[in-house]
N, C-alpha and C. Protein backbone atom coordinates (compact mmCIF):
# COMPACT_ATOMS: atom_id res chain seq x y z
N MET A 1 83.22 -15.99 1.78
CA MET A 1 81.93 -15.36 2.07
C MET A 1 80.82 -16.05 1.27
N GLN A 2 79.72 -16.35 1.93
CA GLN A 2 78.59 -16.95 1.25
C GLN A 2 77.91 -15.94 0.33
N THR A 3 77.14 -16.48 -0.62
CA THR A 3 76.50 -15.64 -1.62
C THR A 3 74.99 -15.88 -1.63
N VAL A 4 74.26 -14.81 -1.80
CA VAL A 4 72.82 -14.86 -2.07
C VAL A 4 72.62 -14.41 -3.51
N LEU A 5 71.99 -15.26 -4.31
CA LEU A 5 71.67 -14.90 -5.69
C LEU A 5 70.24 -14.42 -5.74
N ILE A 6 70.04 -13.20 -6.22
CA ILE A 6 68.70 -12.64 -6.37
C ILE A 6 68.52 -12.21 -7.81
N THR A 7 67.36 -12.50 -8.37
CA THR A 7 67.13 -12.20 -9.79
C THR A 7 65.86 -11.38 -9.98
N GLY A 8 65.88 -10.59 -11.05
CA GLY A 8 64.70 -9.86 -11.50
C GLY A 8 64.57 -10.01 -13.01
N PHE A 9 63.42 -9.66 -13.53
CA PHE A 9 63.15 -9.83 -14.95
C PHE A 9 63.25 -8.53 -15.73
N GLU A 10 63.52 -8.67 -17.02
CA GLU A 10 63.40 -7.55 -17.94
C GLU A 10 61.91 -7.20 -18.10
N PRO A 11 61.60 -6.01 -18.64
CA PRO A 11 60.19 -5.65 -18.85
C PRO A 11 59.50 -6.60 -19.83
N PHE A 12 58.20 -6.74 -19.67
CA PHE A 12 57.41 -7.58 -20.58
C PHE A 12 55.99 -7.02 -20.65
N GLY A 13 55.23 -7.56 -21.57
CA GLY A 13 53.82 -7.20 -21.66
C GLY A 13 53.55 -5.75 -21.97
N GLY A 14 54.46 -5.08 -22.67
CA GLY A 14 54.25 -3.69 -23.03
C GLY A 14 54.76 -2.68 -22.02
N GLU A 15 55.24 -3.14 -20.86
CA GLU A 15 55.79 -2.23 -19.86
C GLU A 15 57.20 -1.79 -20.27
N THR A 16 57.60 -0.60 -19.85
CA THR A 16 58.94 -0.11 -20.17
C THR A 16 59.93 -0.41 -19.05
N VAL A 17 59.43 -0.76 -17.87
CA VAL A 17 60.29 -1.16 -16.76
C VAL A 17 59.67 -2.40 -16.12
N ASN A 18 60.49 -3.11 -15.39
CA ASN A 18 59.99 -4.21 -14.58
C ASN A 18 60.44 -3.92 -13.15
N PRO A 19 59.50 -3.80 -12.20
CA PRO A 19 59.90 -3.42 -10.84
C PRO A 19 60.85 -4.43 -10.21
N SER A 20 60.76 -5.69 -10.63
CA SER A 20 61.65 -6.68 -10.04
C SER A 20 63.11 -6.35 -10.30
N TRP A 21 63.43 -6.00 -11.54
CA TRP A 21 64.82 -5.67 -11.83
C TRP A 21 65.19 -4.29 -11.30
N GLU A 22 64.28 -3.33 -11.37
CA GLU A 22 64.58 -1.99 -10.88
C GLU A 22 64.99 -2.02 -9.41
N VAL A 23 64.39 -2.90 -8.63
CA VAL A 23 64.74 -2.99 -7.21
C VAL A 23 65.91 -3.95 -6.99
N VAL A 24 65.88 -5.09 -7.64
CA VAL A 24 66.93 -6.09 -7.43
C VAL A 24 68.31 -5.54 -7.74
N LYS A 25 68.42 -4.75 -8.79
CA LYS A 25 69.74 -4.23 -9.15
C LYS A 25 70.31 -3.31 -8.07
N LEU A 26 69.45 -2.73 -7.23
CA LEU A 26 69.92 -1.89 -6.14
C LEU A 26 70.63 -2.69 -5.05
N LEU A 27 70.35 -4.00 -5.02
CA LEU A 27 70.93 -4.86 -3.99
C LEU A 27 72.25 -5.49 -4.42
N ASP A 28 72.59 -5.37 -5.69
CA ASP A 28 73.79 -6.02 -6.19
C ASP A 28 75.04 -5.50 -5.47
N GLY A 29 75.79 -6.43 -4.89
CA GLY A 29 77.03 -6.06 -4.21
C GLY A 29 76.88 -5.70 -2.75
N THR A 30 75.64 -5.65 -2.26
CA THR A 30 75.45 -5.34 -0.85
C THR A 30 75.79 -6.56 0.01
N ILE A 31 76.01 -6.31 1.29
CA ILE A 31 76.30 -7.37 2.25
C ILE A 31 75.15 -7.44 3.25
N ILE A 32 74.55 -8.60 3.37
CA ILE A 32 73.47 -8.83 4.32
C ILE A 32 73.84 -10.04 5.16
N ASP A 33 73.91 -9.85 6.46
CA ASP A 33 74.28 -10.93 7.38
C ASP A 33 75.57 -11.63 6.93
N ASP A 34 76.55 -10.85 6.58
CA ASP A 34 77.86 -11.34 6.16
C ASP A 34 77.81 -12.16 4.87
N CYS A 35 76.76 -12.02 4.10
CA CYS A 35 76.65 -12.69 2.80
C CYS A 35 76.61 -11.64 1.69
N ARG A 36 77.29 -11.95 0.60
CA ARG A 36 77.32 -11.03 -0.54
C ARG A 36 76.10 -11.30 -1.44
N VAL A 37 75.39 -10.24 -1.76
CA VAL A 37 74.23 -10.36 -2.63
C VAL A 37 74.65 -10.08 -4.07
N VAL A 38 74.31 -11.00 -4.95
CA VAL A 38 74.62 -10.85 -6.37
C VAL A 38 73.30 -10.83 -7.13
N ALA A 39 73.09 -9.81 -7.94
CA ALA A 39 71.86 -9.65 -8.71
C ALA A 39 72.10 -10.02 -10.17
N ARG A 40 71.14 -10.69 -10.75
CA ARG A 40 71.18 -11.03 -12.17
C ARG A 40 69.82 -10.76 -12.80
N GLN A 41 69.84 -10.23 -14.01
CA GLN A 41 68.59 -10.02 -14.75
C GLN A 41 68.29 -11.24 -15.61
N LEU A 42 67.03 -11.66 -15.59
CA LEU A 42 66.59 -12.78 -16.40
C LEU A 42 65.75 -12.28 -17.57
N PRO A 43 65.89 -12.91 -18.73
CA PRO A 43 64.98 -12.59 -19.84
C PRO A 43 63.59 -13.13 -19.53
N CYS A 44 62.57 -12.42 -19.95
CA CYS A 44 61.20 -12.91 -19.77
C CYS A 44 60.89 -13.84 -20.93
N VAL A 45 61.55 -14.98 -20.92
CA VAL A 45 61.49 -15.92 -22.04
C VAL A 45 61.49 -17.34 -21.47
N PHE A 46 60.55 -18.14 -21.90
CA PHE A 46 60.53 -19.54 -21.51
C PHE A 46 61.83 -20.22 -21.96
N GLY A 47 62.37 -21.07 -21.11
CA GLY A 47 63.59 -21.78 -21.45
C GLY A 47 64.82 -20.96 -21.20
N GLU A 48 64.97 -19.85 -21.91
CA GLU A 48 66.17 -19.03 -21.79
C GLU A 48 66.35 -18.48 -20.38
N SER A 49 65.24 -18.12 -19.72
CA SER A 49 65.32 -17.59 -18.36
C SER A 49 65.98 -18.60 -17.43
N LEU A 50 65.63 -19.87 -17.58
CA LEU A 50 66.22 -20.90 -16.73
C LEU A 50 67.66 -21.19 -17.09
N GLU A 51 68.00 -21.08 -18.36
CA GLU A 51 69.39 -21.26 -18.76
C GLU A 51 70.28 -20.22 -18.08
N VAL A 52 69.83 -18.97 -18.08
CA VAL A 52 70.60 -17.89 -17.46
C VAL A 52 70.69 -18.10 -15.95
N LEU A 53 69.57 -18.45 -15.33
CA LEU A 53 69.57 -18.62 -13.88
C LEU A 53 70.40 -19.83 -13.46
N ASN A 54 70.25 -20.93 -14.15
CA ASN A 54 71.02 -22.12 -13.79
C ASN A 54 72.51 -21.90 -13.95
N ALA A 55 72.90 -21.16 -14.98
CA ALA A 55 74.32 -20.85 -15.17
C ALA A 55 74.85 -20.01 -14.02
N ALA A 56 74.03 -19.07 -13.53
CA ALA A 56 74.44 -18.24 -12.40
C ALA A 56 74.58 -19.08 -11.13
N ILE A 57 73.66 -20.02 -10.93
CA ILE A 57 73.75 -20.90 -9.76
C ILE A 57 75.02 -21.72 -9.82
N ASP A 58 75.31 -22.28 -10.98
CA ASP A 58 76.52 -23.10 -11.13
C ASP A 58 77.78 -22.28 -10.88
N ALA A 59 77.79 -21.03 -11.34
CA ALA A 59 78.98 -20.19 -11.21
C ALA A 59 79.16 -19.67 -9.79
N LEU A 60 78.06 -19.32 -9.12
CA LEU A 60 78.15 -18.64 -7.83
C LEU A 60 78.06 -19.57 -6.64
N GLN A 61 77.45 -20.75 -6.83
CA GLN A 61 77.26 -21.68 -5.71
C GLN A 61 76.63 -20.98 -4.51
N PRO A 62 75.47 -20.36 -4.68
CA PRO A 62 74.89 -19.55 -3.60
C PRO A 62 74.30 -20.40 -2.48
N SER A 63 74.08 -19.74 -1.33
CA SER A 63 73.40 -20.38 -0.20
C SER A 63 71.89 -20.21 -0.31
N VAL A 64 71.46 -19.12 -0.95
CA VAL A 64 70.04 -18.82 -1.14
C VAL A 64 69.85 -18.32 -2.56
N VAL A 65 68.78 -18.79 -3.20
CA VAL A 65 68.39 -18.28 -4.52
C VAL A 65 66.98 -17.71 -4.38
N LEU A 66 66.86 -16.42 -4.66
CA LEU A 66 65.58 -15.74 -4.51
C LEU A 66 65.25 -15.03 -5.82
N ALA A 67 64.23 -15.51 -6.50
CA ALA A 67 63.79 -14.90 -7.76
C ALA A 67 62.62 -13.96 -7.48
N ILE A 68 62.64 -12.81 -8.13
CA ILE A 68 61.62 -11.78 -7.93
C ILE A 68 60.92 -11.51 -9.26
N GLY A 69 59.60 -11.30 -9.21
CA GLY A 69 58.86 -11.01 -10.43
C GLY A 69 57.75 -10.00 -10.19
N GLN A 70 57.32 -9.39 -11.28
CA GLN A 70 56.22 -8.40 -11.25
C GLN A 70 54.87 -9.11 -11.25
N ALA A 71 53.98 -8.65 -10.38
CA ALA A 71 52.60 -9.14 -10.38
C ALA A 71 51.68 -7.92 -10.35
N GLY A 72 51.49 -7.31 -11.50
CA GLY A 72 50.61 -6.15 -11.60
C GLY A 72 49.21 -6.48 -11.14
N GLY A 73 48.69 -5.68 -10.23
CA GLY A 73 47.37 -5.92 -9.68
C GLY A 73 47.39 -6.43 -8.26
N ARG A 74 48.50 -7.05 -7.86
CA ARG A 74 48.61 -7.48 -6.46
C ARG A 74 48.90 -6.27 -5.58
N VAL A 75 48.38 -6.34 -4.35
CA VAL A 75 48.44 -5.18 -3.48
C VAL A 75 49.61 -5.22 -2.50
N ASP A 76 50.29 -6.36 -2.40
CA ASP A 76 51.34 -6.48 -1.40
C ASP A 76 52.48 -7.34 -1.92
N VAL A 77 53.51 -7.50 -1.10
CA VAL A 77 54.61 -8.39 -1.40
C VAL A 77 54.13 -9.81 -1.14
N THR A 78 54.15 -10.65 -2.15
CA THR A 78 53.59 -11.99 -2.00
C THR A 78 54.69 -13.04 -2.15
N VAL A 79 54.88 -13.80 -1.08
CA VAL A 79 55.89 -14.85 -1.05
C VAL A 79 55.23 -16.14 -1.54
N GLU A 80 55.75 -16.70 -2.62
CA GLU A 80 55.10 -17.84 -3.25
C GLU A 80 55.35 -19.14 -2.49
N ARG A 81 54.28 -19.93 -2.38
CA ARG A 81 54.38 -21.22 -1.71
C ARG A 81 54.77 -22.35 -2.66
N VAL A 82 54.23 -22.34 -3.90
CA VAL A 82 54.35 -23.52 -4.76
C VAL A 82 54.44 -23.12 -6.23
N ALA A 83 55.18 -23.91 -6.98
CA ALA A 83 55.25 -23.77 -8.45
C ALA A 83 54.77 -25.07 -9.07
N ILE A 84 54.00 -24.97 -10.14
CA ILE A 84 53.46 -26.17 -10.78
C ILE A 84 54.14 -26.43 -12.12
N ASN A 85 54.12 -27.69 -12.52
CA ASN A 85 54.88 -28.13 -13.70
C ASN A 85 54.07 -27.93 -14.98
N VAL A 86 53.77 -26.67 -15.29
CA VAL A 86 53.06 -26.39 -16.54
C VAL A 86 53.32 -24.96 -16.98
N ASP A 87 53.56 -24.80 -18.27
CA ASP A 87 53.57 -23.49 -18.92
C ASP A 87 52.24 -23.35 -19.66
N ASP A 88 51.50 -22.28 -19.35
CA ASP A 88 50.22 -22.01 -20.01
C ASP A 88 50.11 -20.50 -20.15
N ALA A 89 50.70 -19.98 -21.21
CA ALA A 89 50.94 -18.55 -21.34
C ALA A 89 49.71 -17.81 -21.88
N ARG A 90 49.22 -16.86 -21.09
CA ARG A 90 48.10 -16.03 -21.54
C ARG A 90 48.54 -15.05 -22.63
N ILE A 91 49.81 -14.62 -22.56
CA ILE A 91 50.39 -13.72 -23.56
C ILE A 91 51.73 -14.31 -24.00
N PRO A 92 52.24 -13.89 -25.17
CA PRO A 92 53.56 -14.37 -25.60
C PRO A 92 54.67 -13.83 -24.70
N ASP A 93 55.76 -14.59 -24.61
CA ASP A 93 56.93 -14.07 -23.90
C ASP A 93 57.68 -13.11 -24.81
N ASN A 94 58.85 -12.66 -24.40
CA ASN A 94 59.58 -11.65 -25.16
C ASN A 94 60.26 -12.19 -26.42
N ARG A 95 60.11 -13.47 -26.69
CA ARG A 95 60.56 -14.04 -27.96
C ARG A 95 59.37 -14.52 -28.80
N GLY A 96 58.18 -14.17 -28.36
CA GLY A 96 56.99 -14.55 -29.11
C GLY A 96 56.48 -15.95 -28.85
N GLN A 97 57.09 -16.65 -27.88
CA GLN A 97 56.64 -17.99 -27.55
C GLN A 97 55.39 -17.93 -26.66
N GLN A 98 54.45 -18.81 -26.92
CA GLN A 98 53.24 -18.86 -26.11
C GLN A 98 52.83 -20.32 -25.88
N PRO A 99 53.60 -21.04 -25.05
CA PRO A 99 53.27 -22.45 -24.80
C PRO A 99 51.96 -22.58 -24.06
N VAL A 100 51.22 -23.62 -24.40
CA VAL A 100 49.94 -23.91 -23.74
C VAL A 100 49.96 -25.36 -23.28
N ASP A 101 49.77 -25.56 -21.99
CA ASP A 101 49.71 -26.90 -21.40
C ASP A 101 50.96 -27.73 -21.72
N VAL A 102 52.13 -27.10 -21.54
CA VAL A 102 53.40 -27.76 -21.79
C VAL A 102 54.13 -27.95 -20.46
N ALA A 103 54.62 -29.15 -20.21
CA ALA A 103 55.36 -29.41 -18.97
C ALA A 103 56.68 -28.65 -18.99
N ILE A 104 57.04 -28.06 -17.86
CA ILE A 104 58.33 -27.40 -17.74
C ILE A 104 59.44 -28.43 -17.74
N VAL A 105 59.24 -29.49 -16.99
CA VAL A 105 60.18 -30.62 -16.94
C VAL A 105 59.38 -31.88 -17.26
N PRO A 106 59.51 -32.43 -18.46
CA PRO A 106 58.78 -33.67 -18.78
C PRO A 106 59.08 -34.75 -17.73
N ASP A 107 58.03 -35.38 -17.26
CA ASP A 107 58.13 -36.43 -16.24
C ASP A 107 58.59 -35.90 -14.88
N GLY A 108 58.64 -34.57 -14.72
CA GLY A 108 58.95 -34.01 -13.42
C GLY A 108 57.75 -34.08 -12.50
N PRO A 109 57.95 -33.84 -11.20
CA PRO A 109 56.82 -33.86 -10.27
C PRO A 109 55.80 -32.77 -10.61
N ALA A 110 54.57 -32.96 -10.17
CA ALA A 110 53.51 -32.01 -10.49
C ALA A 110 53.80 -30.62 -9.93
N ALA A 111 54.52 -30.56 -8.81
CA ALA A 111 54.79 -29.27 -8.18
C ALA A 111 56.04 -29.35 -7.31
N TRP A 112 56.61 -28.18 -7.08
CA TRP A 112 57.69 -28.05 -6.09
C TRP A 112 57.28 -26.95 -5.12
N PHE A 113 57.49 -27.20 -3.83
CA PHE A 113 57.22 -26.19 -2.82
C PHE A 113 58.49 -25.38 -2.54
N SER A 114 58.31 -24.10 -2.26
CA SER A 114 59.42 -23.24 -1.86
C SER A 114 60.15 -23.86 -0.67
N THR A 115 61.45 -23.71 -0.66
CA THR A 115 62.24 -24.16 0.50
C THR A 115 62.66 -22.99 1.39
N LEU A 116 62.08 -21.83 1.12
CA LEU A 116 62.30 -20.67 1.97
C LEU A 116 61.35 -20.72 3.17
N PRO A 117 61.70 -20.05 4.26
CA PRO A 117 60.78 -19.93 5.40
C PRO A 117 59.72 -18.87 5.10
N ILE A 118 58.76 -19.23 4.26
CA ILE A 118 57.86 -18.24 3.66
C ILE A 118 56.99 -17.52 4.68
N LYS A 119 56.49 -18.24 5.67
CA LYS A 119 55.62 -17.60 6.66
C LYS A 119 56.41 -16.72 7.62
N ALA A 120 57.61 -17.13 7.94
CA ALA A 120 58.48 -16.29 8.76
C ALA A 120 58.84 -15.01 8.02
N MET A 121 59.04 -15.12 6.72
CA MET A 121 59.34 -13.94 5.92
C MET A 121 58.17 -12.97 5.91
N VAL A 122 56.96 -13.50 5.70
CA VAL A 122 55.77 -12.66 5.70
C VAL A 122 55.58 -12.00 7.06
N ALA A 123 55.77 -12.75 8.13
CA ALA A 123 55.61 -12.19 9.47
C ALA A 123 56.60 -11.05 9.72
N ALA A 124 57.83 -11.22 9.28
CA ALA A 124 58.84 -10.18 9.47
C ALA A 124 58.51 -8.93 8.65
N LEU A 125 58.00 -9.13 7.45
CA LEU A 125 57.63 -7.98 6.62
C LEU A 125 56.49 -7.21 7.26
N ARG A 126 55.49 -7.92 7.74
CA ARG A 126 54.36 -7.24 8.39
C ARG A 126 54.81 -6.52 9.64
N GLU A 127 55.72 -7.14 10.39
CA GLU A 127 56.24 -6.50 11.60
C GLU A 127 56.94 -5.19 11.27
N ALA A 128 57.54 -5.13 10.08
CA ALA A 128 58.21 -3.90 9.64
C ALA A 128 57.26 -2.90 9.00
N GLY A 129 55.97 -3.24 8.97
CA GLY A 129 54.99 -2.33 8.40
C GLY A 129 54.84 -2.41 6.90
N ILE A 130 55.30 -3.52 6.31
CA ILE A 130 55.22 -3.70 4.86
C ILE A 130 54.13 -4.72 4.55
N PRO A 131 53.13 -4.37 3.75
CA PRO A 131 52.06 -5.32 3.41
C PRO A 131 52.64 -6.55 2.73
N ALA A 132 52.29 -7.73 3.23
CA ALA A 132 52.84 -8.98 2.70
C ALA A 132 51.88 -10.12 2.98
N SER A 133 51.96 -11.16 2.16
CA SER A 133 51.13 -12.35 2.36
C SER A 133 51.77 -13.53 1.66
N VAL A 134 51.33 -14.73 2.04
CA VAL A 134 51.70 -15.95 1.33
C VAL A 134 50.79 -16.06 0.10
N SER A 135 51.38 -16.34 -1.04
CA SER A 135 50.61 -16.56 -2.27
C SER A 135 50.58 -18.05 -2.58
N GLN A 136 49.41 -18.51 -3.00
CA GLN A 136 49.25 -19.93 -3.30
C GLN A 136 49.45 -20.25 -4.78
N THR A 137 49.70 -19.24 -5.60
CA THR A 137 49.93 -19.50 -7.02
C THR A 137 50.91 -18.50 -7.60
N ALA A 138 51.90 -19.01 -8.31
CA ALA A 138 52.85 -18.16 -9.03
C ALA A 138 52.44 -17.98 -10.48
N GLY A 139 51.19 -18.35 -10.80
CA GLY A 139 50.70 -18.23 -12.17
C GLY A 139 51.18 -19.37 -13.04
N THR A 140 51.12 -19.17 -14.35
CA THR A 140 51.61 -20.18 -15.30
C THR A 140 52.44 -19.54 -16.41
N PHE A 141 52.96 -18.34 -16.12
CA PHE A 141 53.80 -17.64 -17.10
C PHE A 141 55.27 -17.86 -16.72
N VAL A 142 56.14 -16.97 -17.10
CA VAL A 142 57.58 -17.19 -16.93
C VAL A 142 57.99 -17.19 -15.45
N CYS A 143 57.27 -16.48 -14.60
CA CYS A 143 57.60 -16.50 -13.17
C CYS A 143 57.48 -17.90 -12.60
N ASN A 144 56.36 -18.56 -12.85
CA ASN A 144 56.18 -19.93 -12.39
C ASN A 144 57.20 -20.85 -13.05
N HIS A 145 57.47 -20.62 -14.32
CA HIS A 145 58.47 -21.40 -15.05
C HIS A 145 59.82 -21.36 -14.33
N VAL A 146 60.22 -20.15 -13.93
CA VAL A 146 61.50 -19.98 -13.24
C VAL A 146 61.46 -20.60 -11.85
N MET A 147 60.38 -20.36 -11.11
CA MET A 147 60.30 -20.92 -9.76
C MET A 147 60.37 -22.44 -9.80
N TYR A 148 59.59 -23.05 -10.69
CA TYR A 148 59.60 -24.51 -10.78
C TYR A 148 60.99 -24.99 -11.20
N GLY A 149 61.55 -24.35 -12.20
CA GLY A 149 62.84 -24.80 -12.73
C GLY A 149 63.95 -24.72 -11.72
N VAL A 150 64.01 -23.62 -10.95
CA VAL A 150 65.09 -23.49 -9.98
C VAL A 150 64.92 -24.47 -8.83
N LEU A 151 63.68 -24.69 -8.39
CA LEU A 151 63.47 -25.66 -7.31
C LEU A 151 63.76 -27.09 -7.78
N HIS A 152 63.48 -27.36 -9.03
CA HIS A 152 63.81 -28.67 -9.59
C HIS A 152 65.33 -28.87 -9.58
N LYS A 153 66.05 -27.83 -9.94
CA LYS A 153 67.52 -27.91 -9.92
C LYS A 153 68.04 -28.06 -8.50
N LEU A 154 67.47 -27.29 -7.58
CA LEU A 154 67.97 -27.30 -6.21
C LEU A 154 67.57 -28.55 -5.44
N ALA A 155 66.72 -29.37 -6.02
CA ALA A 155 66.36 -30.63 -5.36
C ALA A 155 67.60 -31.50 -5.13
N ASP A 156 68.61 -31.32 -5.95
CA ASP A 156 69.87 -32.05 -5.79
C ASP A 156 70.83 -31.34 -4.84
N TRP A 157 70.46 -30.13 -4.41
CA TRP A 157 71.28 -29.33 -3.50
C TRP A 157 70.44 -28.93 -2.29
N PRO A 158 70.08 -29.87 -1.43
CA PRO A 158 69.14 -29.56 -0.34
C PRO A 158 69.65 -28.51 0.64
N GLU A 159 70.92 -28.24 0.64
CA GLU A 159 71.45 -27.23 1.55
C GLU A 159 71.21 -25.81 1.06
N VAL A 160 70.75 -25.66 -0.19
CA VAL A 160 70.51 -24.34 -0.78
C VAL A 160 69.00 -24.06 -0.76
N LYS A 161 68.62 -22.95 -0.13
CA LYS A 161 67.22 -22.54 -0.10
C LYS A 161 66.86 -21.80 -1.38
N GLY A 162 65.62 -21.99 -1.84
CA GLY A 162 65.20 -21.29 -3.05
C GLY A 162 63.71 -21.00 -3.04
N GLY A 163 63.34 -19.94 -3.76
CA GLY A 163 61.93 -19.60 -3.85
C GLY A 163 61.72 -18.35 -4.67
N PHE A 164 60.49 -17.83 -4.60
CA PHE A 164 60.08 -16.75 -5.48
C PHE A 164 59.19 -15.77 -4.71
N ILE A 165 59.35 -14.49 -5.03
CA ILE A 165 58.51 -13.43 -4.47
C ILE A 165 57.96 -12.58 -5.60
N HIS A 166 56.66 -12.33 -5.58
CA HIS A 166 56.04 -11.39 -6.51
C HIS A 166 55.86 -10.03 -5.83
N ILE A 167 56.05 -8.97 -6.61
CA ILE A 167 55.89 -7.61 -6.08
C ILE A 167 54.94 -6.82 -6.97
N PRO A 168 54.30 -5.78 -6.41
CA PRO A 168 53.37 -4.97 -7.20
C PRO A 168 54.08 -4.06 -8.21
N TYR A 169 53.26 -3.38 -9.00
CA TYR A 169 53.77 -2.32 -9.87
C TYR A 169 54.50 -1.25 -9.06
N LEU A 170 55.43 -0.56 -9.70
CA LEU A 170 55.95 0.70 -9.18
C LEU A 170 54.90 1.79 -9.39
N PRO A 171 54.94 2.88 -8.61
CA PRO A 171 53.95 3.94 -8.79
C PRO A 171 53.89 4.49 -10.21
N GLU A 172 55.05 4.62 -10.86
CA GLU A 172 55.05 5.17 -12.22
C GLU A 172 54.37 4.24 -13.21
N GLN A 173 54.38 2.94 -12.94
CA GLN A 173 53.64 2.01 -13.77
C GLN A 173 52.15 2.10 -13.49
N ALA A 174 51.79 2.16 -12.21
CA ALA A 174 50.39 2.20 -11.82
C ALA A 174 49.69 3.44 -12.36
N ALA A 175 50.48 4.49 -12.58
CA ALA A 175 49.89 5.71 -13.13
C ALA A 175 49.28 5.48 -14.51
N ALA A 176 49.81 4.48 -15.22
CA ALA A 176 49.28 4.14 -16.54
C ALA A 176 48.20 3.08 -16.47
N HIS A 177 47.90 2.60 -15.26
CA HIS A 177 46.87 1.58 -15.04
C HIS A 177 45.95 2.08 -13.94
N PRO A 178 45.04 3.00 -14.26
CA PRO A 178 44.20 3.62 -13.22
C PRO A 178 43.54 2.59 -12.31
N GLY A 179 43.70 2.81 -11.02
CA GLY A 179 43.12 1.92 -10.03
C GLY A 179 44.02 0.80 -9.58
N ALA A 180 45.14 0.59 -10.29
CA ALA A 180 46.05 -0.50 -9.93
C ALA A 180 46.88 -0.12 -8.69
N PRO A 181 47.09 -1.05 -7.77
CA PRO A 181 47.93 -0.77 -6.61
C PRO A 181 49.40 -0.70 -7.00
N SER A 182 50.19 -0.10 -6.13
CA SER A 182 51.62 0.01 -6.40
C SER A 182 52.39 0.03 -5.08
N MET A 183 53.70 -0.08 -5.19
CA MET A 183 54.57 0.00 -4.01
C MET A 183 55.87 0.69 -4.42
N ALA A 184 56.35 1.60 -3.61
CA ALA A 184 57.56 2.36 -3.92
C ALA A 184 58.78 1.45 -3.94
N ALA A 185 59.72 1.77 -4.80
CA ALA A 185 60.92 0.95 -4.96
C ALA A 185 61.69 0.80 -3.65
N GLN A 186 61.80 1.87 -2.87
CA GLN A 186 62.55 1.79 -1.62
C GLN A 186 61.85 0.88 -0.60
N THR A 187 60.52 0.85 -0.64
CA THR A 187 59.79 -0.06 0.25
C THR A 187 60.04 -1.50 -0.16
N VAL A 188 60.01 -1.76 -1.46
CA VAL A 188 60.27 -3.12 -1.94
C VAL A 188 61.71 -3.52 -1.63
N LYS A 189 62.63 -2.60 -1.79
CA LYS A 189 64.04 -2.89 -1.46
C LYS A 189 64.16 -3.29 0.01
N GLN A 190 63.53 -2.54 0.89
CA GLN A 190 63.55 -2.89 2.31
C GLN A 190 62.94 -4.27 2.53
N ALA A 191 61.85 -4.55 1.83
CA ALA A 191 61.19 -5.85 1.96
C ALA A 191 62.12 -6.99 1.56
N LEU A 192 62.84 -6.81 0.47
CA LEU A 192 63.74 -7.86 0.01
C LEU A 192 64.93 -8.03 0.94
N GLU A 193 65.41 -6.95 1.51
CA GLU A 193 66.49 -7.06 2.50
C GLU A 193 66.04 -7.86 3.72
N ILE A 194 64.81 -7.60 4.15
CA ILE A 194 64.25 -8.35 5.28
C ILE A 194 64.07 -9.81 4.90
N ALA A 195 63.54 -10.05 3.72
CA ALA A 195 63.30 -11.43 3.27
C ALA A 195 64.61 -12.22 3.21
N ILE A 196 65.65 -11.60 2.70
CA ILE A 196 66.96 -12.27 2.63
C ILE A 196 67.49 -12.56 4.03
N THR A 197 67.37 -11.60 4.93
CA THR A 197 67.84 -11.79 6.30
C THR A 197 67.14 -12.97 6.96
N VAL A 198 65.83 -13.04 6.81
CA VAL A 198 65.07 -14.15 7.40
C VAL A 198 65.48 -15.48 6.76
N ALA A 199 65.64 -15.48 5.44
CA ALA A 199 66.04 -16.71 4.75
C ALA A 199 67.38 -17.22 5.25
N LEU A 200 68.29 -16.32 5.55
CA LEU A 200 69.61 -16.71 6.02
C LEU A 200 69.60 -17.18 7.48
N ARG A 201 68.74 -16.57 8.28
CA ARG A 201 68.77 -16.86 9.72
C ARG A 201 67.83 -17.97 10.15
N GLN A 202 66.72 -18.14 9.42
CA GLN A 202 65.65 -19.03 9.87
C GLN A 202 65.83 -20.41 9.25
N ALA A 203 66.21 -21.37 10.06
CA ALA A 203 66.42 -22.73 9.55
C ALA A 203 65.11 -23.42 9.22
N HIS A 204 64.07 -23.13 10.02
CA HIS A 204 62.77 -23.77 9.82
C HIS A 204 61.68 -22.70 9.83
N ASP A 205 60.63 -22.94 9.07
CA ASP A 205 59.54 -21.97 9.00
C ASP A 205 58.71 -22.01 10.27
N ILE A 206 57.95 -20.94 10.50
CA ILE A 206 57.03 -20.90 11.63
C ILE A 206 55.68 -21.47 11.20
N LYS A 207 54.91 -21.95 12.16
CA LYS A 207 53.63 -22.57 11.86
C LYS A 207 52.52 -21.60 12.26
N VAL A 208 52.12 -20.79 11.31
CA VAL A 208 51.03 -19.83 11.52
C VAL A 208 50.12 -19.91 10.29
N VAL A 209 48.92 -19.36 10.42
CA VAL A 209 47.98 -19.40 9.31
C VAL A 209 48.50 -18.56 8.15
N GLY A 210 48.49 -19.14 6.97
CA GLY A 210 48.89 -18.41 5.76
C GLY A 210 48.08 -18.83 4.57
N GLY A 211 47.00 -19.57 4.83
CA GLY A 211 46.18 -20.09 3.74
C GLY A 211 45.18 -19.09 3.20
N ALA A 212 44.42 -19.54 2.21
CA ALA A 212 43.42 -18.70 1.58
C ALA A 212 42.15 -19.51 1.34
N THR A 213 41.02 -18.83 1.26
CA THR A 213 39.76 -19.53 1.01
C THR A 213 39.45 -19.67 -0.48
N HIS A 214 40.16 -18.88 -1.28
CA HIS A 214 39.96 -18.98 -2.74
C HIS A 214 41.19 -18.46 -3.47
């Protein structure tokens, strides 16, 4: 049976939960399109997060690698298009590291594009009534670090699809951030199940508008 590896992060930035892990752990052991979903938690730490993820990839030999992260303030499920080769941390990670203008992979390419069918995933989510969009930036914190690192690793494994999705706060988090948008855990879970299904079934992405003006 093929495997889908999905990851979420531990809490960071003063939060007591991270919606990525709260939802991802619900998918551990489920079967989607005859593939077994395996969930792993990543530390919100530069370097260490990739060590944990790369070890899981080596052990599981998955067909799809999908990393999930929290993006407080975003209003929908955002499927990332690109990761850039720089760590530029606005806040320290969970080990107190705060790299500024540091390459994730010295002499690596400036960017890696997701190998997931990102626009097809967004279209399927919207069809299911779940707010979703293509995101043009994964930031420069640990989420981008992980997305770039995993795509750099998978460059040697072109048969394995990989990418990153950001999700909003959970409602209980948004309650502590007046005015911040949120999304219920069960809605995000449904979104990730749809995203995995599309990633497994769709060999090539669809060509529809997914760009932004700013």
